[in-house]
Amino acid sequence: METKEESTQPVFEEEWGVQVGKEAYTLNEKQIKLLKEADLSGQRGIVWFDRLAISIPHIQSVWLISRRIKNQLPEGTTPDEPIRSEEERERISKKIQEMKEKLMIKLEKRRAQKKK
């Protein structure tokens, strides 16, 4: 079962760099996970991907290039706010004020009941 704390954790999308000899390769999180598992399990051969193969003994360095939250809007962009007429804004404002007043009445009733 998923707890509230676990469900609010962001899911990241990562890009990794791998230096092999004079060449540098960019891998995604799935590819780097495969490479890491192969290395930690003691394999000393080549790990094959769709368009490249990396020789584990020849890896010189591995580094994180970027890490960003998946499905996040780029900086500086926000969803468009609907354009409302002055009458519509006033109607919404009145509705909010009514809801606040109703809530305050409920809170006062609860306080009065607790005092009894």
PDB file of N, CA and C in Angstrom:
ATOM      1  N   MET A   1       0.844  -1.187   0.000  1.00  0.00           N
ATOM      2  CA  MET A   1       0.000   0.000   0.000  1.00  0.00           C
ATOM      3  C   MET A   1       0.885   1.245   0.000  1.00  0.00           C
ATOM      4  N   GLU A   2       0.509   2.217  -0.773  1.00  0.00           N
ATOM      5  CA  GLU A   2       1.291   3.432  -0.914  1.00  0.00           C
ATOM      6  C   GLU A   2       0.856   4.443   0.140  1.00  0.00           C
ATOM      7  N   THR A   3       1.828   4.996   0.866  1.00  0.00           N
ATOM      8  CA  THR A   3       1.495   5.997   1.862  1.00  0.00           C
ATOM      9  C   THR A   3       1.455   7.364   1.207  1.00  0.00           C
ATOM     10  N   LYS A   4       0.900   8.320   1.930  1.00  0.00           N
ATOM     11  CA  LYS A   4       0.791   9.674   1.393  1.00  0.00           C
ATOM     12  C   LYS A   4       2.177  10.240   1.104  1.00  0.00           C
ATOM     13  N   GLU A   5       3.127   9.970   1.990  1.00  0.00           N
ATOM     14  CA  GLU A   5       4.479  10.493   1.820  1.00  0.00           C
ATOM     15  C   GLU A   5       5.125   9.944   0.552  1.00  0.00           C
ATOM     16  N   GLU A   6       4.932   8.654   0.279  1.00  0.00           N
ATOM     17  CA  GLU A   6       5.524   8.046  -0.905  1.00  0.00           C
ATOM     18  C   GLU A   6       4.901   8.599  -2.173  1.00  0.00           C
ATOM     19  N   SER A   7       3.604   8.845  -2.158  1.00  0.00           N
ATOM     20  CA  SER A   7       2.920   9.286  -3.367  1.00  0.00           C
ATOM     21  C   SER A   7       3.272  10.716  -3.746  1.00  0.00           C
ATOM     22  N   THR A   8       3.780  11.508  -2.807  1.00  0.00           N
ATOM     23  CA  THR A   8       4.123  12.888  -3.117  1.00  0.00           C
ATOM     24  C   THR A   8       5.571  13.045  -3.562  1.00  0.00           C
ATOM     25  N   GLN A   9       6.336  11.967  -3.568  1.00  0.00           N
ATOM     26  CA  GLN A   9       7.722  12.047  -4.010  1.00  0.00           C
ATOM     27  C   GLN A   9       7.765  12.270  -5.519  1.00  0.00           C
ATOM     28  N   PRO A  10       8.567  13.243  -5.978  1.00  0.00           N
ATOM     29  CA  PRO A  10       8.645  13.479  -7.419  1.00  0.00           C
ATOM     30  C   PRO A  10       9.378  12.349  -8.138  1.00  0.00           C
ATOM     31  N   VAL A  11       9.029  12.150  -9.392  1.00  0.00           N
ATOM     32  CA  VAL A  11       9.694  11.156 -10.232  1.00  0.00           C
ATOM     33  C   VAL A  11      10.641  11.923 -11.147  1.00  0.00           C
ATOM     34  N   PHE A  12      11.911  11.535 -11.124  1.00  0.00           N
ATOM     35  CA  PHE A  12      12.915  12.270 -11.871  1.00  0.00           C
ATOM     36  C   PHE A  12      13.266  11.607 -13.193  1.00  0.00           C
ATOM     37  N   GLU A  13      13.693  12.422 -14.125  1.00  0.00           N
ATOM     38  CA  GLU A  13      14.220  11.984 -15.408  1.00  0.00           C
ATOM     39  C   GLU A  13      15.688  12.411 -15.406  1.00  0.00           C
ATOM     40  N   GLU A  14      16.588  11.455 -15.587  1.00  0.00           N
ATOM     41  CA  GLU A  14      18.012  11.753 -15.492  1.00  0.00           C
ATOM     42  C   GLU A  14      18.736  11.479 -16.802  1.00  0.00           C
ATOM     43  N   GLU A  15      19.803  12.231 -17.009  1.00  0.00           N
ATOM     44  CA  GLU A  15      20.716  12.015 -18.120  1.00  0.00           C
ATOM     45  C   GLU A  15      22.099  11.832 -17.523  1.00  0.00           C
ATOM     46  N   TRP A  16      22.794  10.788 -17.938  1.00  0.00           N
ATOM     47  CA  TRP A  16      24.112  10.470 -17.402  1.00  0.00           C
ATOM     48  C   TRP A  16      25.154  10.503 -18.509  1.00  0.00           C
ATOM     49  N   GLY A  17      26.366  10.890 -18.145  1.00  0.00           N
ATOM     50  CA  GLY A  17      27.488  10.855 -19.074  1.00  0.00           C
ATOM     51  C   GLY A  17      28.425   9.731 -18.680  1.00  0.00           C
ATOM     52  N   VAL A  18      28.956   9.017 -19.682  1.00  0.00           N
ATOM     53  CA  VAL A  18      29.906   7.927 -19.439  1.00  0.00           C
ATOM     54  C   VAL A  18      31.114   8.161 -20.345  1.00  0.00           C
ATOM     55  N   GLN A  19      32.291   8.270 -19.741  1.00  0.00           N
ATOM     56  CA  GLN A  19      33.533   8.445 -20.496  1.00  0.00           C
ATOM     57  C   GLN A  19      34.172   7.082 -20.704  1.00  0.00           C
ATOM     58  N   VAL A  20      34.346   6.701 -21.980  1.00  0.00           N
ATOM     59  CA  VAL A  20      34.986   5.435 -22.342  1.00  0.00           C
ATOM     60  C   VAL A  20      36.097   5.789 -23.331  1.00  0.00           C
ATOM     61  N   GLY A  21      37.340   5.724 -22.862  1.00  0.00           N
ATOM     62  CA  GLY A  21      38.453   6.140 -23.717  1.00  0.00           C
ATOM     63  C   GLY A  21      38.308   7.614 -24.047  1.00  0.00           C
ATOM     64  N   LYS A  22      38.386   7.950 -25.342  1.00  0.00           N
ATOM     65  CA  LYS A  22      38.261   9.349 -25.764  1.00  0.00           C
ATOM     66  C   LYS A  22      36.815   9.739 -26.054  1.00  0.00           C
ATOM     67  N   GLU A  23      35.912   8.782 -25.992  1.00  0.00           N
ATOM     68  CA  GLU A  23      34.502   9.025 -26.314  1.00  0.00           C
ATOM     69  C   GLU A  23      33.664   9.233 -25.049  1.00  0.00           C
ATOM     70  N   ALA A  24      32.696  10.138 -25.143  1.00  0.00           N
ATOM     71  CA  ALA A  24      31.729  10.353 -24.062  1.00  0.00           C
ATOM     72  C   ALA A  24      30.346  10.012 -24.606  1.00  0.00           C
ATOM     73  N   TYR A  25      29.582   9.263 -23.827  1.00  0.00           N
ATOM     74  CA  TYR A  25      28.247   8.834 -24.238  1.00  0.00           C
ATOM     75  C   TYR A  25      27.223   9.360 -23.245  1.00  0.00           C
ATOM     76  N   THR A  26      26.029   9.636 -23.744  1.00  0.00           N
ATOM     77  CA  THR A  26      24.924  10.074 -22.896  1.00  0.00           C
ATOM     78  C   THR A  26      23.934   8.926 -22.767  1.00  0.00           C
ATOM     79  N   LEU A  27      23.601   8.585 -21.508  1.00  0.00           N
ATOM     80  CA  LEU A  27      22.670   7.488 -21.236  1.00  0.00           C
ATOM     81  C   LEU A  27      21.491   8.010 -20.418  1.00  0.00           C
ATOM     82  N   ASN A  28      20.331   7.360 -20.599  1.00  0.00           N
ATOM     83  CA  ASN A  28      19.178   7.708 -19.770  1.00  0.00           C
ATOM     84  C   ASN A  28      19.214   6.869 -18.491  1.00  0.00           C
ATOM     85  N   GLU A  29      18.230   7.068 -17.608  1.00  0.00           N
ATOM     86  CA  GLU A  29      18.257   6.378 -16.306  1.00  0.00           C
ATOM     87  C   GLU A  29      18.139   4.862 -16.436  1.00  0.00           C
ATOM     88  N   LYS A  30      17.401   4.387 -17.436  1.00  0.00           N
ATOM     89  CA  LYS A  30      17.276   2.933 -17.627  1.00  0.00           C
ATOM     90  C   LYS A  30      18.602   2.331 -18.082  1.00  0.00           C
ATOM     91  N   GLN A  31      19.275   3.015 -19.003  1.00  0.00           N
ATOM     92  CA  GLN A  31      20.549   2.510 -19.509  1.00  0.00           C
ATOM     93  C   GLN A  31      21.620   2.519 -18.423  1.00  0.00           C
ATOM     94  N   ILE A  32      21.666   3.580 -17.625  1.00  0.00           N
ATOM     95  CA  ILE A  32      22.683   3.657 -16.573  1.00  0.00           C
ATOM     96  C   ILE A  32      22.403   2.605 -15.503  1.00  0.00           C
ATOM     97  N   LYS A  33      21.121   2.304 -15.273  1.00  0.00           N
ATOM     98  CA  LYS A  33      20.764   1.265 -14.298  1.00  0.00           C
ATOM     99  C   LYS A  33      21.278  -0.096 -14.775  1.00  0.00           C
ATOM    100  N   LEU A  34      21.094  -0.408 -16.065  1.00  0.00           N
ATOM    101  CA  LEU A  34      21.614  -1.666 -16.620  1.00  0.00           C
ATOM    102  C   LEU A  34      23.130  -1.739 -16.500  1.00  0.00           C
ATOM    103  N   LEU A  35      23.799  -0.640 -16.813  1.00  0.00           N
ATOM    104  CA  LEU A  35      25.257  -0.597 -16.737  1.00  0.00           C
ATOM    105  C   LEU A  35      25.728  -0.790 -15.299  1.00  0.00           C
ATOM    106  N   LYS A  36      25.061  -0.146 -14.363  1.00  0.00           N
ATOM    107  CA  LYS A  36      25.421  -0.260 -12.945  1.00  0.00           C
ATOM    108  C   LYS A  36      25.209  -1.687 -12.443  1.00  0.00           C
ATOM    109  N   GLU A  37      24.067  -2.282 -12.799  1.00  0.00           N
ATOM    110  CA  GLU A  37      23.792  -3.661 -12.376  1.00  0.00           C
ATOM    111  C   GLU A  37      24.833  -4.629 -12.932  1.00  0.00           C
ATOM    112  N   ALA A  38      25.220  -4.437 -14.193  1.00  0.00           N
ATOM    113  CA  ALA A  38      26.235  -5.305 -14.797  1.00  0.00           C
ATOM    114  C   ALA A  38      27.564  -5.155 -14.076  1.00  0.00           C
ATOM    115  N   ASP A  39      27.940  -3.933 -13.752  1.00  0.00           N
ATOM    116  CA  ASP A  39      29.208  -3.689 -13.059  1.00  0.00           C
ATOM    117  C   ASP A  39      29.187  -4.265 -11.649  1.00  0.00           C
ATOM    118  N   LEU A  40      28.109  -4.027 -10.913  1.00  0.00           N
ATOM    119  CA  LEU A  40      28.028  -4.504  -9.529  1.00  0.00           C
ATOM    120  C   LEU A  40      27.925  -6.024  -9.430  1.00  0.00           C
ATOM    121  N   SER A  41      27.410  -6.656 -10.478  1.00  0.00           N
ATOM    122  CA  SER A  41      27.307  -8.119 -10.451  1.00  0.00           C
ATOM    123  C   SER A  41      28.621  -8.791 -10.862  1.00  0.00           C
ATOM    124  N   GLY A  42      29.626  -7.978 -11.172  1.00  0.00           N
ATOM    125  CA  GLY A  42      30.939  -8.537 -11.478  1.00  0.00           C
ATOM    126  C   GLY A  42      31.181  -8.840 -12.942  1.00  0.00           C
ATOM    127  N   GLN A  43      30.266  -8.473 -13.809  1.00  0.00           N
ATOM    128  CA  GLN A  43      30.478  -8.717 -15.238  1.00  0.00           C
ATOM    129  C   GLN A  43      31.604  -7.821 -15.739  1.00  0.00           C
ATOM    130  N   ARG A  44      32.433  -8.359 -16.602  1.00  0.00           N
ATOM    131  CA  ARG A  44      33.576  -7.610 -17.118  1.00  0.00           C
ATOM    132  C   ARG A  44      33.587  -7.578 -18.635  1.00  0.00           C
ATOM    133  N   GLY A  45      32.431  -7.649 -19.242  1.00  0.00           N
ATOM    134  CA  GLY A  45      32.352  -7.660 -20.701  1.00  0.00           C
ATOM    135  C   GLY A  45      31.770  -6.377 -21.230  1.00  0.00           C
ATOM    136  N   ILE A  46      30.997  -6.525 -22.285  1.00  0.00           N
ATOM    137  CA  ILE A  46      30.376  -5.396 -22.954  1.00  0.00           C
ATOM    138  C   ILE A  46      28.881  -5.384 -22.641  1.00  0.00           C
ATOM    139  N   VAL A  47      28.356  -4.188 -22.396  1.00  0.00           N
ATOM    140  CA  VAL A  47      26.919  -4.010 -22.199  1.00  0.00           C
ATOM    141  C   VAL A  47      26.380  -3.381 -23.480  1.00  0.00           C
ATOM    142  N   TRP A  48      25.416  -4.067 -24.101  1.00  0.00           N
ATOM    143  CA  TRP A  48      24.857  -3.622 -25.375  1.00  0.00           C
ATOM    144  C   TRP A  48      23.574  -2.839 -25.167  1.00  0.00           C
ATOM    145  N   PHE A  49      23.466  -1.716 -25.890  1.00  0.00           N
ATOM    146  CA  PHE A  49      22.259  -0.907 -25.927  1.00  0.00           C
ATOM    147  C   PHE A  49      21.776  -0.864 -27.371  1.00  0.00           C
ATOM    148  N   ASP A  50      20.715  -0.111 -27.655  1.00  0.00           N
ATOM    149  CA  ASP A  50      20.164  -0.052 -29.017  1.00  0.00           C
ATOM    150  C   ASP A  50      21.187   0.412 -30.052  1.00  0.00           C
ATOM    151  N   ARG A  51      21.881   1.496 -29.760  1.00  0.00           N
ATOM    152  CA  ARG A  51      22.776   2.080 -30.758  1.00  0.00           C
ATOM    153  C   ARG A  51      24.246   2.100 -30.360  1.00  0.00           C
ATOM    154  N   LEU A  52      24.597   1.516 -29.245  1.00  0.00           N
ATOM    155  CA  LEU A  52      25.987   1.511 -28.819  1.00  0.00           C
ATOM    156  C   LEU A  52      26.248   0.370 -27.849  1.00  0.00           C
ATOM    157  N   ALA A  53      27.513   0.106 -27.636  1.00  0.00           N
ATOM    158  CA  ALA A  53      27.939  -0.900 -26.660  1.00  0.00           C
ATOM    159  C   ALA A  53      29.052  -0.281 -25.828  1.00  0.00           C
ATOM    160  N   ILE A  54      29.041  -0.553 -24.523  1.00  0.00           N
ATOM    161  CA  ILE A  54      30.050   0.005 -23.626  1.00  0.00           C
ATOM    162  C   ILE A  54      30.796  -1.139 -22.962  1.00  0.00           C
ATOM    163  N   SER A  55      32.113  -1.078 -23.050  1.00  0.00           N
ATOM    164  CA  SER A  55      32.978  -2.073 -22.424  1.00  0.00           C
ATOM    165  C   SER A  55      33.214  -1.654 -20.977  1.00  0.00           C
ATOM    166  N   ILE A  56      32.742  -2.452 -20.040  1.00  0.00           N
ATOM    167  CA  ILE A  56      32.834  -2.098 -18.621  1.00  0.00           C
ATOM    168  C   ILE A  56      34.275  -1.831 -18.176  1.00  0.00           C
ATOM    169  N   PRO A  57      35.275  -2.658 -18.554  1.00  0.00           N
ATOM    170  CA  PRO A  57      36.642  -2.383 -18.086  1.00  0.00           C
ATOM    171  C   PRO A  57      37.225  -1.063 -18.605  1.00  0.00           C
ATOM    172  N   HIS A  58      36.659  -0.512 -19.681  1.00  0.00           N
ATOM    173  CA  HIS A  58      37.205   0.709 -20.261  1.00  0.00           C
ATOM    174  C   HIS A  58      36.491   1.987 -19.814  1.00  0.00           C
ATOM    175  N   ILE A  59      35.536   1.863 -18.907  1.00  0.00           N
ATOM    176  CA  ILE A  59      34.840   3.053 -18.394  1.00  0.00           C
ATOM    177  C   ILE A  59      35.803   3.824 -17.504  1.00  0.00           C
ATOM    178  N   GLN A  60      35.974   5.111 -17.818  1.00  0.00           N
ATOM    179  CA  GLN A  60      36.863   5.958 -17.024  1.00  0.00           C
ATOM    180  C   GLN A  60      36.097   6.764 -15.981  1.00  0.00           C
ATOM    181  N   SER A  61      34.909   7.232 -16.348  1.00  0.00           N
ATOM    182  CA  SER A  61      34.112   7.992 -15.384  1.00  0.00           C
ATOM    183  C   SER A  61      32.639   7.991 -15.786  1.00  0.00           C
ATOM    184  N   VAL A  62      31.810   8.230 -14.780  1.00  0.00           N
ATOM    185  CA  VAL A  62      30.361   8.322 -14.966  1.00  0.00           C
ATOM    186  C   VAL A  62      29.905   9.545 -14.173  1.00  0.00           C
ATOM    187  N   TRP A  63      29.078  10.386 -14.788  1.00  0.00           N
ATOM    188  CA  TRP A  63      28.618  11.578 -14.090  1.00  0.00           C
ATOM    189  C   TRP A  63      27.173  11.899 -14.469  1.00  0.00           C
ATOM    190  N   LEU A  64      26.514  12.587 -13.557  1.00  0.00           N
ATOM    191  CA  LEU A  64      25.128  13.005 -13.774  1.00  0.00           C
ATOM    192  C   LEU A  64      25.136  14.320 -14.547  1.00  0.00           C
ATOM    193  N   ILE A  65      24.517  14.323 -15.719  1.00  0.00           N
ATOM    194  CA  ILE A  65      24.457  15.528 -16.552  1.00  0.00           C
ATOM    195  C   ILE A  65      23.285  16.405 -16.122  1.00  0.00           C
ATOM    196  N   SER A  66      22.098  15.808 -16.015  1.00  0.00           N
ATOM    197  CA  SER A  66      20.924  16.588 -15.617  1.00  0.00           C
ATOM    198  C   SER A  66      19.920  15.702 -14.900  1.00  0.00           C
ATOM    199  N   ARG A  67      19.158  16.350 -14.035  1.00  0.00           N
ATOM    200  CA  ARG A  67      18.104  15.667 -13.285  1.00  0.00           C
ATOM    201  C   ARG A  67      16.939  16.636 -13.170  1.00  0.00           C
ATOM    202  N   ARG A  68      15.798  16.246 -13.719  1.00  0.00           N
ATOM    203  CA  ARG A  68      14.629  17.115 -13.676  1.00  0.00           C
ATOM    204  C   ARG A  68      13.382  16.280 -13.376  1.00  0.00           C
ATOM    205  N   ILE A  69      12.389  16.938 -12.853  1.00  0.00           N
ATOM    206  CA  ILE A  69      11.143  16.261 -12.531  1.00  0.00           C
ATOM    207  C   ILE A  69      10.409  15.959 -13.829  1.00  0.00           C
ATOM    208  N   LYS A  70       9.939  14.716 -13.958  1.00  0.00           N
ATOM    209  CA  LYS A  70       9.199  14.328 -15.166  1.00  0.00           C
ATOM    210  C   LYS A  70       7.903  15.118 -15.264  1.00  0.00           C
ATOM    211  N   ASN A  71       7.514  15.428 -16.485  1.00  0.00           N
ATOM    212  CA  ASN A  71       6.265  16.136 -16.796  1.00  0.00           C
ATOM    213  C   ASN A  71       6.174  17.520 -16.161  1.00  0.00           C
ATOM    214  N   GLN A  72       7.319  18.124 -15.858  1.00  0.00           N
ATOM    215  CA  GLN A  72       7.310  19.464 -15.284  1.00  0.00           C
ATOM    216  C   GLN A  72       7.333  20.493 -16.408  1.00  0.00           C
ATOM    217  N   LEU A  73       6.561  21.553 -16.235  1.00  0.00           N
ATOM    218  CA  LEU A  73       6.563  22.618 -17.227  1.00  0.00           C
ATOM    219  C   LEU A  73       7.907  23.333 -17.194  1.00  0.00           C
ATOM    220  N   PRO A  74       8.405  23.782 -18.338  1.00  0.00           N
ATOM    221  CA  PRO A  74       9.662  24.538 -18.349  1.00  0.00           C
ATOM    222  C   PRO A  74       9.523  25.807 -17.523  1.00  0.00           C
ATOM    223  N   GLU A  75      10.656  26.298 -16.996  1.00  0.00           N
ATOM    224  CA  GLU A  75      10.625  27.502 -16.174  1.00  0.00           C
ATOM    225  C   GLU A  75      10.049  28.670 -16.953  1.00  0.00           C
ATOM    226  N   GLY A  76       9.277  29.486 -16.266  1.00  0.00           N
ATOM    227  CA  GLY A  76       8.715  30.673 -16.895  1.00  0.00           C
ATOM    228  C   GLY A  76       7.404  30.432 -17.618  1.00  0.00           C
ATOM    229  N   THR A  77       6.930  29.202 -17.640  1.00  0.00           N
ATOM    230  CA  THR A  77       5.647  28.934 -18.290  1.00  0.00           C
ATOM    231  C   THR A  77       4.625  28.550 -17.237  1.00  0.00           C
ATOM    232  N   THR A  78       3.459  29.071 -17.393  1.00  0.00           N
ATOM    233  CA  THR A  78       2.355  28.715 -16.502  1.00  0.00           C
ATOM    234  C   THR A  78       1.127  28.465 -17.363  1.00  0.00           C
ATOM    235  N   PRO A  79       0.225  27.651 -16.872  1.00  0.00           N
ATOM    236  CA  PRO A  79      -1.004  27.449 -17.643  1.00  0.00           C
ATOM    237  C   PRO A  79      -1.740  28.778 -17.812  1.00  0.00           C
ATOM    238  N   ASP A  80      -2.362  28.976 -18.952  1.00  0.00           N
ATOM    239  CA  ASP A  80      -3.090  30.220 -19.209  1.00  0.00           C
ATOM    240  C   ASP A  80      -4.278  30.343 -18.273  1.00  0.00           C
ATOM    241  N   GLU A  81      -4.388  31.515 -17.675  1.00  0.00           N
ATOM    242  CA  GLU A  81      -5.523  31.785 -16.799  1.00  0.00           C
ATOM    243  C   GLU A  81      -6.662  32.304 -17.668  1.00  0.00           C
ATOM    244  N   PRO A  82      -7.860  31.785 -17.460  1.00  0.00           N
ATOM    245  CA  PRO A  82      -8.969  32.237 -18.311  1.00  0.00           C
ATOM    246  C   PRO A  82      -9.248  33.728 -18.103  1.00  0.00           C
ATOM    247  N   ILE A  83      -9.607  34.390 -19.170  1.00  0.00           N
ATOM    248  CA  ILE A  83      -9.941  35.811 -19.099  1.00  0.00           C
ATOM    249  C   ILE A  83     -11.409  35.913 -18.691  1.00  0.00           C
ATOM    250  N   ARG A  84     -11.647  36.666 -17.597  1.00  0.00           N
ATOM    251  CA  ARG A  84     -13.005  36.797 -17.071  1.00  0.00           C
ATOM    252  C   ARG A  84     -13.466  38.243 -17.175  1.00  0.00           C
ATOM    253  N   SER A  85     -14.750  38.394 -17.378  1.00  0.00           N
ATOM    254  CA  SER A  85     -15.325  39.744 -17.425  1.00  0.00           C
ATOM    255  C   SER A  85     -15.412  40.288 -16.003  1.00  0.00           C
ATOM    256  N   GLU A  86     -15.611  41.598 -15.907  1.00  0.00           N
ATOM    257  CA  GLU A  86     -15.716  42.248 -14.603  1.00  0.00           C
ATOM    258  C   GLU A  86     -16.909  41.693 -13.816  1.00  0.00           C
ATOM    259  N   GLU A  87     -18.029  41.448 -14.504  1.00  0.00           N
ATOM    260  CA  GLU A  87     -19.216  40.908 -13.831  1.00  0.00           C
ATOM    261  C   GLU A  87     -18.941  39.511 -13.276  1.00  0.00           C
ATOM    262  N   GLU A  88     -18.233  38.715 -14.067  1.00  0.00           N
ATOM    263  CA  GLU A  88     -17.925  37.350 -13.627  1.00  0.00           C
ATOM    264  C   GLU A  88     -17.000  37.369 -12.409  1.00  0.00           C
ATOM    265  N   ARG A  89     -16.020  38.279 -12.414  1.00  0.00           N
ATOM    266  CA  ARG A  89     -15.121  38.398 -11.255  1.00  0.00           C
ATOM    267  C   ARG A  89     -15.889  38.804 -10.004  1.00  0.00           C
ATOM    268  N   GLU A  90     -16.806  39.750 -10.158  1.00  0.00           N
ATOM    269  CA  GLU A  90     -17.612  40.192  -9.014  1.00  0.00           C
ATOM    270  C   GLU A  90     -18.475  39.050  -8.486  1.00  0.00           C
ATOM    271  N   ARG A  91     -19.086  38.288  -9.397  1.00  0.00           N
ATOM    272  CA  ARG A  91     -19.926  37.158  -9.000  1.00  0.00           C
ATOM    273  C   ARG A  91     -19.092  36.124  -8.233  1.00  0.00           C
ATOM    274  N   ILE A  92     -17.911  35.828  -8.735  1.00  0.00           N
ATOM    275  CA  ILE A  92     -17.029  34.858  -8.068  1.00  0.00           C
ATOM    276  C   ILE A  92     -16.605  35.384  -6.707  1.00  0.00           C
ATOM    277  N   SER A  93     -16.277  36.675  -6.644  1.00  0.00           N
ATOM    278  CA  SER A  93     -15.865  37.288  -5.381  1.00  0.00           C
ATOM    279  C   SER A  93     -16.990  37.219  -4.340  1.00  0.00           C
ATOM    280  N   LYS A  94     -18.223  37.504  -4.765  1.00  0.00           N
ATOM    281  CA  LYS A  94     -19.368  37.424  -3.851  1.00  0.00           C
ATOM    282  C   LYS A  94     -19.572  35.992  -3.363  1.00  0.00           C
ATOM    283  N   LYS A  95     -19.449  35.040  -4.275  1.00  0.00           N
ATOM    284  CA  LYS A  95     -19.619  33.628  -3.924  1.00  0.00           C
ATOM    285  C   LYS A  95     -18.574  33.215  -2.879  1.00  0.00           C
ATOM    286  N   ILE A  96     -17.340  33.640  -3.072  1.00  0.00           N
ATOM    287  CA  ILE A  96     -16.275  33.322  -2.115  1.00  0.00           C
ATOM    288  C   ILE A  96     -16.576  33.948  -0.763  1.00  0.00           C
ATOM    289  N   GLN A  97     -17.023  35.199  -0.761  1.00  0.00           N
ATOM    290  CA  GLN A  97     -17.353  35.880   0.487  1.00  0.00           C
ATOM    291  C   GLN A  97     -18.483  35.154   1.219  1.00  0.00           C
ATOM    292  N   GLU A  98     -19.510  34.708   0.489  1.00  0.00           N
ATOM    293  CA  GLU A  98     -20.609  33.952   1.102  1.00  0.00           C
ATOM    294  C   GLU A  98     -20.098  32.659   1.727  1.00  0.00           C
ATOM    295  N   MET A  99     -19.224  31.973   1.013  1.00  0.00           N
ATOM    296  CA  MET A  99     -18.676  30.718   1.533  1.00  0.00           C
ATOM    297  C   MET A  99     -17.864  30.967   2.803  1.00  0.00           C
ATOM    298  N   LYS A 100     -17.109  32.060   2.837  1.00  0.00           N
ATOM    299  CA  LYS A 100     -16.334  32.410   4.033  1.00  0.00           C
ATOM    300  C   LYS A 100     -17.257  32.658   5.224  1.00  0.00           C
ATOM    301  N   GLU A 101     -18.341  33.408   4.966  1.00  0.00           N
ATOM    302  CA  GLU A 101     -19.287  33.715   6.035  1.00  0.00           C
ATOM    303  C   GLU A 101     -19.938  32.443   6.581  1.00  0.00           C
ATOM    304  N   LYS A 102     -20.331  31.529   5.688  1.00  0.00           N
ATOM    305  CA  LYS A 102     -20.924  30.260   6.121  1.00  0.00           C
ATOM    306  C   LYS A 102     -19.934  29.458   6.955  1.00  0.00           C
ATOM    307  N   LEU A 103     -18.691  29.458   6.533  1.00  0.00           N
ATOM    308  CA  LEU A 103     -17.657  28.728   7.264  1.00  0.00           C
ATOM    309  C   LEU A 103     -17.448  29.326   8.652  1.00  0.00           C
ATOM    310  N   MET A 104     -17.436  30.649   8.750  1.00  0.00           N
ATOM    311  CA  MET A 104     -17.259  31.306  10.048  1.00  0.00           C
ATOM    312  C   MET A 104     -18.423  30.978  10.985  1.00  0.00           C
ATOM    313  N   ILE A 105     -19.638  30.926  10.445  1.00  0.00           N
ATOM    314  CA  ILE A 105     -20.811  30.577  11.258  1.00  0.00           C
ATOM    315  C   ILE A 105     -20.664  29.155  11.788  1.00  0.00           C
ATOM    316  N   LYS A 106     -20.242  28.228  10.932  1.00  0.00           N
ATOM    317  CA  LYS A 106     -20.045  26.838  11.360  1.00  0.00           C
ATOM    318  C   LYS A 106     -18.983  26.746  12.452  1.00  0.00           C
ATOM    319  N   LEU A 107     -17.879  27.479  12.272  1.00  0.00           N
ATOM    320  CA  LEU A 107     -16.811  27.456  13.276  1.00  0.00           C
ATOM    321  C   LEU A 107     -17.296  27.997  14.621  1.00  0.00           C
ATOM    322  N   GLU A 108     -18.072  29.065  14.593  1.00  0.00           N
ATOM    323  CA  GLU A 108     -18.604  29.636  15.827  1.00  0.00           C
ATOM    324  C   GLU A 108     -19.543  28.657  16.525  1.00  0.00           C
ATOM    325  N   LYS A 109     -20.373  27.940  15.752  1.00  0.00           N
ATOM    326  CA  LYS A 109     -21.279  26.945  16.334  1.00  0.00           C
ATOM    327  C   LYS A 109     -20.485  25.829  16.996  1.00  0.00           C
ATOM    328  N   ARG A 110     -19.429  25.368  16.352  1.00  0.00           N
ATOM    329  CA  ARG A 110     -18.603  24.298  16.929  1.00  0.00           C
ATOM    330  C   ARG A 110     -17.927  24.759  18.216  1.00  0.00           C
ATOM    331  N   ARG A 111     -17.427  25.982  18.220  1.00  0.00           N
ATOM    332  CA  ARG A 111     -16.791  26.516  19.430  1.00  0.00           C
ATOM    333  C   ARG A 111     -17.802  26.594  20.572  1.00  0.00           C
ATOM    334  N   ALA A 112     -19.028  27.023  20.246  1.00  0.00           N
ATOM    335  CA  ALA A 112     -20.080  27.136  21.261  1.00  0.00           C
ATOM    336  C   ALA A 112     -20.438  25.756  21.807  1.00  0.00           C
ATOM    337  N   GLN A 113     -20.477  24.728  20.939  1.00  0.00           N
ATOM    338  CA  GLN A 113     -20.793  23.371  21.382  1.00  0.00           C
ATOM    339  C   GLN A 113     -19.678  22.817  22.266  1.00  0.00           C
ATOM    340  N   LYS A 114     -18.438  23.128  21.962  1.00  0.00           N
ATOM    341  CA  LYS A 114     -17.310  22.632  22.758  1.00  0.00           C
ATOM    342  C   LYS A 114     -17.307  23.251  24.153  1.00  0.00           C
ATOM    343  N   LYS A 115     -17.771  24.485  24.262  1.00  0.00           N
ATOM    344  CA  LYS A 115     -17.797  25.167  25.551  1.00  0.00           C
ATOM    345  C   LYS A 115     -18.864  24.597  26.472  1.00  0.00           C
ATOM    346  N   LYS A 116     -19.904  23.972  25.901  1.00  0.00           N
ATOM    347  CA  LYS A 116     -21.006  23.422  26.710  1.00  0.00           C
ATOM    348  C   LYS A 116     -20.610  22.205  27.441  1.00  0.00           C
TER     349      LYS A 116
END
